[in-house]
N, C-alpha and C. Protein backbone atom coordinates (compact mmCIF):
# COMPACT_ATOMS: atom_id res chain seq x y z
N MET A 1 -20.31 -22.28 38.51
CA MET A 1 -19.69 -23.34 39.39
C MET A 1 -21.52 -23.87 39.76
N PRO A 2 -21.08 -24.48 40.52
CA PRO A 2 -23.20 -24.83 40.47
C PRO A 2 -23.23 -24.27 42.27
N ALA A 3 -24.36 -23.97 42.60
CA ALA A 3 -24.90 -23.96 43.78
C ALA A 3 -24.28 -24.26 44.84
N SER A 4 -24.33 -25.45 45.03
CA SER A 4 -24.15 -26.38 46.43
C SER A 4 -22.35 -26.30 46.01
N VAL A 5 -21.55 -25.87 45.61
CA VAL A 5 -20.14 -25.96 44.96
C VAL A 5 -20.38 -25.04 45.92
N ARG A 6 -20.60 -23.99 45.54
CA ARG A 6 -20.52 -22.10 45.98
C ARG A 6 -20.93 -22.10 47.04
N GLU A 7 -21.40 -22.26 47.67
CA GLU A 7 -22.60 -22.85 49.06
C GLU A 7 -21.13 -22.96 49.86
N ALA A 8 -20.97 -24.39 49.60
CA ALA A 8 -19.67 -25.08 50.56
C ALA A 8 -18.97 -24.62 50.55
N ILE A 9 -18.17 -23.34 49.69
CA ILE A 9 -16.19 -22.93 49.91
C ILE A 9 -16.86 -21.57 50.61
N GLU A 10 -18.27 -21.25 50.50
CA GLU A 10 -18.58 -19.81 50.92
C GLU A 10 -18.69 -19.97 52.83
N CYS A 11 -18.52 -21.52 52.73
CA CYS A 11 -18.81 -22.34 54.31
C CYS A 11 -17.69 -22.03 54.61
N PHE A 12 -17.10 -22.31 54.17
CA PHE A 12 -15.34 -22.74 54.43
C PHE A 12 -14.40 -21.74 54.84
N VAL A 13 -15.29 -20.85 54.10
CA VAL A 13 -14.65 -19.50 54.20
C VAL A 13 -14.83 -18.94 55.75
N GLU A 14 -15.96 -18.86 55.81
CA GLU A 14 -16.51 -18.52 56.62
C GLU A 14 -16.28 -19.16 58.00
N ARG A 15 -16.18 -20.03 58.11
CA ARG A 15 -15.75 -21.21 59.72
C ARG A 15 -13.78 -20.62 58.90
N HIS A 16 -12.73 -20.66 58.22
CA HIS A 16 -12.16 -20.66 58.27
C HIS A 16 -11.22 -19.82 57.78
N GLY A 17 -12.02 -18.89 57.35
CA GLY A 17 -10.77 -17.30 56.26
C GLY A 17 -10.12 -17.59 55.40
N THR A 18 -9.48 -17.66 54.65
CA THR A 18 -8.90 -17.16 53.51
C THR A 18 -6.70 -16.98 54.17
N THR A 19 -5.68 -17.28 53.08
CA THR A 19 -4.83 -16.58 53.94
C THR A 19 -4.66 -15.06 53.29
N GLU A 20 -3.84 -14.74 53.54
CA GLU A 20 -3.84 -13.14 53.81
C GLU A 20 -4.05 -12.52 52.17
N ASP A 21 -3.05 -13.65 51.01
CA ASP A 21 -2.91 -13.38 49.82
C ASP A 21 -5.20 -14.06 49.35
N GLY A 22 -5.31 -14.27 49.91
CA GLY A 22 -6.61 -14.06 49.32
C GLY A 22 -7.50 -16.41 49.42
N TYR A 23 -6.38 -16.50 49.68
CA TYR A 23 -6.62 -18.30 48.71
C TYR A 23 -7.51 -18.83 50.45
N VAL A 24 -8.32 -19.93 50.04
CA VAL A 24 -8.98 -20.94 50.25
C VAL A 24 -7.97 -21.63 51.24
N LEU A 25 -6.75 -22.58 50.21
CA LEU A 25 -6.51 -23.55 50.68
C LEU A 25 -4.92 -23.44 50.42
N GLN A 26 -4.47 -23.17 50.86
CA GLN A 26 -3.41 -23.46 51.09
C GLN A 26 -2.47 -24.28 50.83
N GLY A 27 -0.85 -24.52 50.05
CA GLY A 27 -0.36 -25.89 49.94
C GLY A 27 1.17 -25.72 51.20
N THR A 28 1.16 -27.17 50.82
CA THR A 28 2.43 -27.01 52.07
C THR A 28 3.52 -26.43 51.70
N ARG A 29 3.66 -26.44 50.45
CA ARG A 29 5.41 -25.22 49.73
C ARG A 29 4.76 -24.16 48.87
N ALA A 30 4.12 -23.71 48.86
CA ALA A 30 3.66 -22.98 47.94
C ALA A 30 1.77 -21.87 48.63
N LYS A 31 1.89 -20.85 47.89
CA LYS A 31 1.09 -19.75 48.13
C LYS A 31 -0.82 -21.11 48.33
N HIS A 32 -0.61 -21.00 47.19
CA HIS A 32 -1.69 -21.94 46.59
C HIS A 32 -1.56 -23.61 46.64
N ILE A 33 -2.89 -24.05 47.31
CA ILE A 33 -2.72 -25.80 46.98
C ILE A 33 -2.01 -25.64 45.99
N ASN A 34 -1.72 -26.59 45.16
CA ASN A 34 -0.80 -26.78 44.26
C ASN A 34 -0.66 -29.24 43.95
N HIS A 35 -0.69 -29.86 42.70
CA HIS A 35 -1.24 -30.81 42.10
C HIS A 35 -0.56 -31.48 43.65
N SER A 36 0.61 -31.45 44.09
CA SER A 36 0.79 -32.83 44.37
C SER A 36 0.78 -31.82 46.26
N THR A 37 -0.32 -31.43 46.52
CA THR A 37 -0.77 -31.44 47.58
C THR A 37 -1.20 -32.24 47.88
N ILE A 38 -2.10 -31.54 46.34
CA ILE A 38 -3.51 -32.50 45.89
C ILE A 38 -3.26 -33.75 46.46
N ASN A 39 -3.05 -34.20 45.12
CA ASN A 39 -2.21 -36.13 45.68
C ASN A 39 -1.91 -36.65 46.64
N ASN A 40 -0.56 -35.99 47.62
CA ASN A 40 -0.30 -36.03 48.57
C ASN A 40 -1.66 -36.59 49.35
N ILE A 41 -2.36 -35.47 49.74
CA ILE A 41 -3.68 -35.39 50.18
C ILE A 41 -4.37 -36.97 50.15
N TRP A 42 -4.53 -37.05 48.69
CA TRP A 42 -5.20 -38.45 48.37
C TRP A 42 -4.84 -39.50 48.26
N TYR A 43 -4.00 -39.25 47.94
CA TYR A 43 -2.94 -40.49 48.22
C TYR A 43 -2.90 -41.12 49.92
N GLN A 44 -1.95 -40.24 50.45
CA GLN A 44 -1.43 -40.52 51.92
C GLN A 44 -1.77 -40.84 52.86
N LYS A 45 -3.39 -39.22 52.63
CA LYS A 45 -4.26 -39.66 54.03
C LYS A 45 -5.52 -40.27 53.65
N LEU A 46 -6.61 -40.37 53.00
CA LEU A 46 -6.77 -40.89 52.55
C LEU A 46 -6.87 -42.32 52.22
N ALA A 47 -6.21 -42.67 51.85
CA ALA A 47 -5.62 -44.29 51.51
C ALA A 47 -5.63 -44.62 53.23
N ARG A 48 -4.93 -43.93 53.28
CA ARG A 48 -4.98 -44.14 55.71
C ARG A 48 -6.29 -44.46 56.35
N LYS A 49 -5.60 -44.19 55.69
CA LYS A 49 -8.15 -44.18 56.61
C LYS A 49 -9.44 -44.92 55.73
N ASP A 50 -8.38 -46.04 55.19
CA ASP A 50 -9.15 -46.81 54.66
C ASP A 50 -10.76 -46.12 53.83
N MET A 51 -10.05 -45.32 52.87
CA MET A 51 -10.96 -45.26 52.33
C MET A 51 -11.63 -46.45 50.68
N ASP A 52 -12.28 -46.06 50.22
CA ASP A 52 -12.97 -46.82 49.31
C ASP A 52 -12.80 -46.47 48.18
N ILE A 53 -10.78 -45.62 47.36
CA ILE A 53 -11.02 -45.72 46.69
C ILE A 53 -11.00 -46.47 45.15
N PRO A 54 -11.33 -46.76 44.17
CA PRO A 54 -11.35 -48.01 43.24
C PRO A 54 -9.73 -47.89 42.79
N GLU A 55 -9.43 -48.84 42.20
CA GLU A 55 -7.30 -49.14 42.42
C GLU A 55 -7.95 -47.73 40.66
N GLY A 56 -6.61 -47.05 40.55
CA GLY A 56 -6.53 -46.24 39.50
C GLY A 56 -7.19 -45.12 39.49
N MET A 57 -8.04 -44.91 40.18
CA MET A 57 -8.79 -43.37 40.52
C MET A 57 -7.50 -42.63 40.82
N THR A 58 -7.67 -41.56 39.94
CA THR A 58 -7.11 -40.49 40.65
C THR A 58 -6.95 -38.98 40.57
N ILE A 59 -6.82 -37.93 41.45
CA ILE A 59 -7.53 -36.42 40.94
C ILE A 59 -7.97 -35.70 39.98
N TYR A 60 -6.20 -36.91 38.73
CA TYR A 60 -6.49 -36.08 37.57
C TYR A 60 -7.79 -36.18 37.20
N GLY A 61 -7.76 -37.61 36.60
CA GLY A 61 -8.97 -38.72 36.08
C GLY A 61 -10.07 -37.76 36.44
N HIS A 62 -10.41 -36.82 38.16
CA HIS A 62 -11.72 -35.65 38.10
C HIS A 62 -11.31 -35.05 36.90
N ARG A 63 -10.31 -34.19 37.55
CA ARG A 63 -10.10 -33.60 36.07
C ARG A 63 -10.21 -33.47 34.49
N GLN A 64 -9.85 -33.94 34.71
CA GLN A 64 -9.79 -34.29 33.32
C GLN A 64 -12.13 -35.39 33.01
N PHE A 65 -12.41 -35.42 33.85
CA PHE A 65 -13.41 -35.49 33.67
C PHE A 65 -14.51 -34.84 33.51
N PHE A 66 -14.33 -33.97 34.51
CA PHE A 66 -14.71 -32.15 33.89
C PHE A 66 -14.92 -31.75 33.39
N ALA A 67 -13.35 -31.08 32.59
CA ALA A 67 -13.30 -30.99 31.39
C ALA A 67 -14.39 -31.69 30.27
N ALA A 68 -14.65 -33.13 29.86
CA ALA A 68 -14.66 -33.29 29.35
C ALA A 68 -16.07 -33.87 29.26
N ASN A 69 -16.51 -33.80 30.25
CA ASN A 69 -18.19 -33.01 30.73
C ASN A 69 -18.10 -31.63 29.76
N CYS A 70 -17.34 -31.04 30.89
CA CYS A 70 -18.12 -29.89 30.57
C CYS A 70 -18.19 -29.41 28.68
N LEU A 71 -17.17 -29.62 28.14
CA LEU A 71 -17.18 -29.45 26.63
C LEU A 71 -17.87 -30.70 25.24
N ALA A 72 -18.17 -31.03 27.11
CA ALA A 72 -19.52 -32.35 25.73
C ALA A 72 -20.61 -31.92 26.63
N HIS A 73 -20.74 -31.04 26.31
CA HIS A 73 -22.37 -30.69 27.06
C HIS A 73 -22.65 -28.78 26.46
N ASN A 74 -21.10 -28.67 25.59
CA ASN A 74 -20.90 -27.38 24.77
C ASN A 74 -20.98 -26.02 25.47
N ILE A 75 -20.29 -26.46 26.97
CA ILE A 75 -19.52 -24.63 27.54
C ILE A 75 -18.26 -25.03 26.21
N PRO A 76 -18.23 -23.30 26.07
CA PRO A 76 -17.29 -22.85 25.27
C PRO A 76 -16.08 -22.78 25.97
N ILE A 77 -15.21 -23.57 24.74
CA ILE A 77 -13.43 -24.24 25.74
C ILE A 77 -12.35 -23.56 26.06
N THR A 78 -13.46 -21.47 25.88
CA THR A 78 -12.67 -20.77 25.77
C THR A 78 -13.19 -20.24 28.15
N ASP A 79 -14.07 -20.78 28.32
CA ASP A 79 -14.84 -20.79 29.66
C ASP A 79 -13.99 -22.11 30.39
N VAL A 80 -13.75 -23.52 30.23
CA VAL A 80 -13.07 -24.35 30.90
C VAL A 80 -11.55 -24.59 30.77
N ALA A 81 -10.77 -24.26 29.99
CA ALA A 81 -9.23 -23.51 29.62
C ALA A 81 -8.94 -22.28 30.89
N GLU A 82 -10.18 -21.22 32.02
CA GLU A 82 -9.71 -20.61 32.12
C GLU A 82 -10.41 -21.23 34.03
N TRP A 83 -11.34 -22.64 33.94
CA TRP A 83 -11.53 -22.60 34.64
C TRP A 83 -10.69 -23.71 34.84
N MET A 84 -9.91 -24.41 34.65
CA MET A 84 -8.64 -25.55 34.16
C MET A 84 -7.46 -24.65 34.07
N GLY A 85 -7.70 -23.45 34.01
CA GLY A 85 -6.58 -22.43 35.39
C GLY A 85 -4.69 -23.22 33.81
N HIS A 86 -5.55 -22.57 32.64
CA HIS A 86 -4.19 -23.10 31.60
C HIS A 86 -4.32 -21.64 31.49
N LYS A 87 -2.94 -21.16 31.44
CA LYS A 87 -2.45 -19.97 31.04
C LYS A 87 -3.31 -20.03 29.78
N ASN A 88 -3.80 -20.52 28.64
CA ASN A 88 -4.01 -19.86 26.93
C ASN A 88 -4.65 -21.11 26.57
N ILE A 89 -5.78 -20.44 26.11
CA ILE A 89 -6.24 -21.76 24.96
C ILE A 89 -6.09 -23.06 24.17
N GLU A 90 -4.98 -22.66 23.94
CA GLU A 90 -3.84 -23.51 22.93
C GLU A 90 -3.59 -24.74 23.89
N VAL A 91 -3.24 -24.56 25.66
CA VAL A 91 -2.46 -26.14 26.04
C VAL A 91 -4.41 -26.59 25.53
N THR A 92 -5.57 -25.87 26.43
CA THR A 92 -6.96 -26.49 26.35
C THR A 92 -7.34 -27.42 24.72
N PHE A 93 -6.76 -26.12 24.94
CA PHE A 93 -7.58 -27.73 23.32
C PHE A 93 -7.03 -27.92 22.82
N ARG A 94 -5.61 -28.23 22.76
CA ARG A 94 -3.90 -29.64 22.56
C ARG A 94 -4.55 -30.42 23.65
N ILE A 95 -4.95 -30.27 24.84
CA ILE A 95 -5.33 -31.40 25.83
C ILE A 95 -6.35 -31.78 25.54
N TYR A 96 -7.79 -31.14 25.63
CA TYR A 96 -8.81 -31.80 24.51
C TYR A 96 -9.43 -31.76 23.54
N ARG A 97 -9.14 -31.69 22.03
CA ARG A 97 -9.44 -31.02 21.63
C ARG A 97 -9.93 -32.65 20.14
N HIS A 98 -9.37 -33.66 21.02
CA HIS A 98 -10.07 -35.34 20.55
C HIS A 98 -12.00 -35.26 21.45
N LEU A 99 -11.97 -34.29 22.32
CA LEU A 99 -13.25 -34.52 22.94
C LEU A 99 -14.26 -33.72 22.15
N MET A 100 -13.81 -33.11 20.82
CA MET A 100 -15.17 -31.78 20.88
C MET A 100 -14.62 -32.07 18.99
N PRO A 101 -14.77 -34.04 18.50
CA PRO A 101 -14.75 -34.29 16.91
C PRO A 101 -16.11 -33.51 16.20
N ALA A 102 -17.51 -33.28 16.52
CA ALA A 102 -18.13 -32.19 16.11
C ALA A 102 -18.11 -31.46 15.45
N SER A 103 -17.39 -30.47 16.52
CA SER A 103 -16.90 -29.02 16.11
C SER A 103 -17.15 -28.67 15.19
N ILE A 104 -15.93 -29.79 14.14
CA ILE A 104 -15.72 -29.11 12.39
C ILE A 104 -16.63 -29.31 12.37
N GLY A 105 -17.61 -30.49 12.27
CA GLY A 105 -18.61 -30.58 10.87
C GLY A 105 -19.24 -29.21 11.57
N ARG A 106 -19.76 -29.87 12.45
CA ARG A 106 -21.30 -27.97 12.99
C ARG A 106 -20.08 -27.32 12.25
N ALA A 107 -19.10 -26.45 12.03
CA ALA A 107 -18.47 -25.39 12.07
C ALA A 107 -18.54 -25.19 10.59
N ALA A 108 -17.66 -26.96 9.67
CA ALA A 108 -18.51 -27.18 8.00
C ALA A 108 -19.81 -26.67 6.81
N LYS A 109 -20.91 -26.93 8.43
CA LYS A 109 -21.54 -26.77 7.78
C LYS A 109 -22.15 -25.28 8.00
N LEU A 110 -22.50 -24.06 8.71
CA LEU A 110 -23.25 -23.58 9.39
C LEU A 110 -22.10 -22.42 8.29
N LEU A 111 -20.32 -22.84 7.01
CA LEU A 111 -20.07 -22.23 6.35
C LEU A 111 -20.90 -22.23 5.85
N ASP A 112 -21.08 -23.75 5.35
CA ASP A 112 -21.64 -24.14 3.95
C ASP A 112 -22.94 -22.89 4.10
N GLN A 113 -23.97 -22.89 5.40
CA GLN A 113 -25.14 -22.26 4.96
C GLN A 113 -25.47 -20.74 4.19
N ASP A 114 -23.94 -20.33 4.96
CA ASP A 114 -23.74 -18.66 5.05
C ASP A 114 -23.06 -18.61 3.38
N LEU A 115 -22.36 -19.87 2.64
CA LEU A 115 -22.06 -19.74 1.54
C LEU A 115 -23.06 -19.62 0.28
N HIS A 116 -24.02 -20.60 1.37
CA HIS A 116 -24.96 -20.81 -0.12
C HIS A 116 -26.02 -19.79 -0.15
N ALA A 117 -26.23 -19.32 0.86
CA ALA A 117 -27.18 -17.90 1.34
C ALA A 117 -27.14 -16.80 0.57
N LEU A 118 -25.21 -16.67 0.19
CA LEU A 118 -24.33 -16.20 -0.20
C LEU A 118 -24.85 -16.34 -1.82
N THR A 119 -24.99 -17.11 -2.44
CA THR A 119 -24.52 -17.07 -3.11
C THR A 119 -25.96 -17.03 -3.35
N ALA A 120 -27.25 -16.83 -2.91
CA ALA A 120 -29.11 -17.72 -3.54
C ALA A 120 -29.72 -16.10 -3.71
């Protein structure tokens, strides 16, 4: 997590505390803030304040952008899966596999190099 984000969260917790369960933000119907709560805030509350939100920009789009950026910069998919809150890596792999097309090629080259080293 970027230091600036960590510091902002720590500052928020210092000012406002956490829920009894240790969550920083609590949802309206759940112990933690969830997708529907975030969408409600994004679309209804911010839109009412005449925020200049480009048409088509969604919270889910930010989530996709984050994951894509991580994978494009060779952050391990296991880390991305954890950060995305996926129950297992297969979920992350199924959703974002298309963003990692070079990984199969890199793996094949490494295996080929090792096989040549074994036969040399």
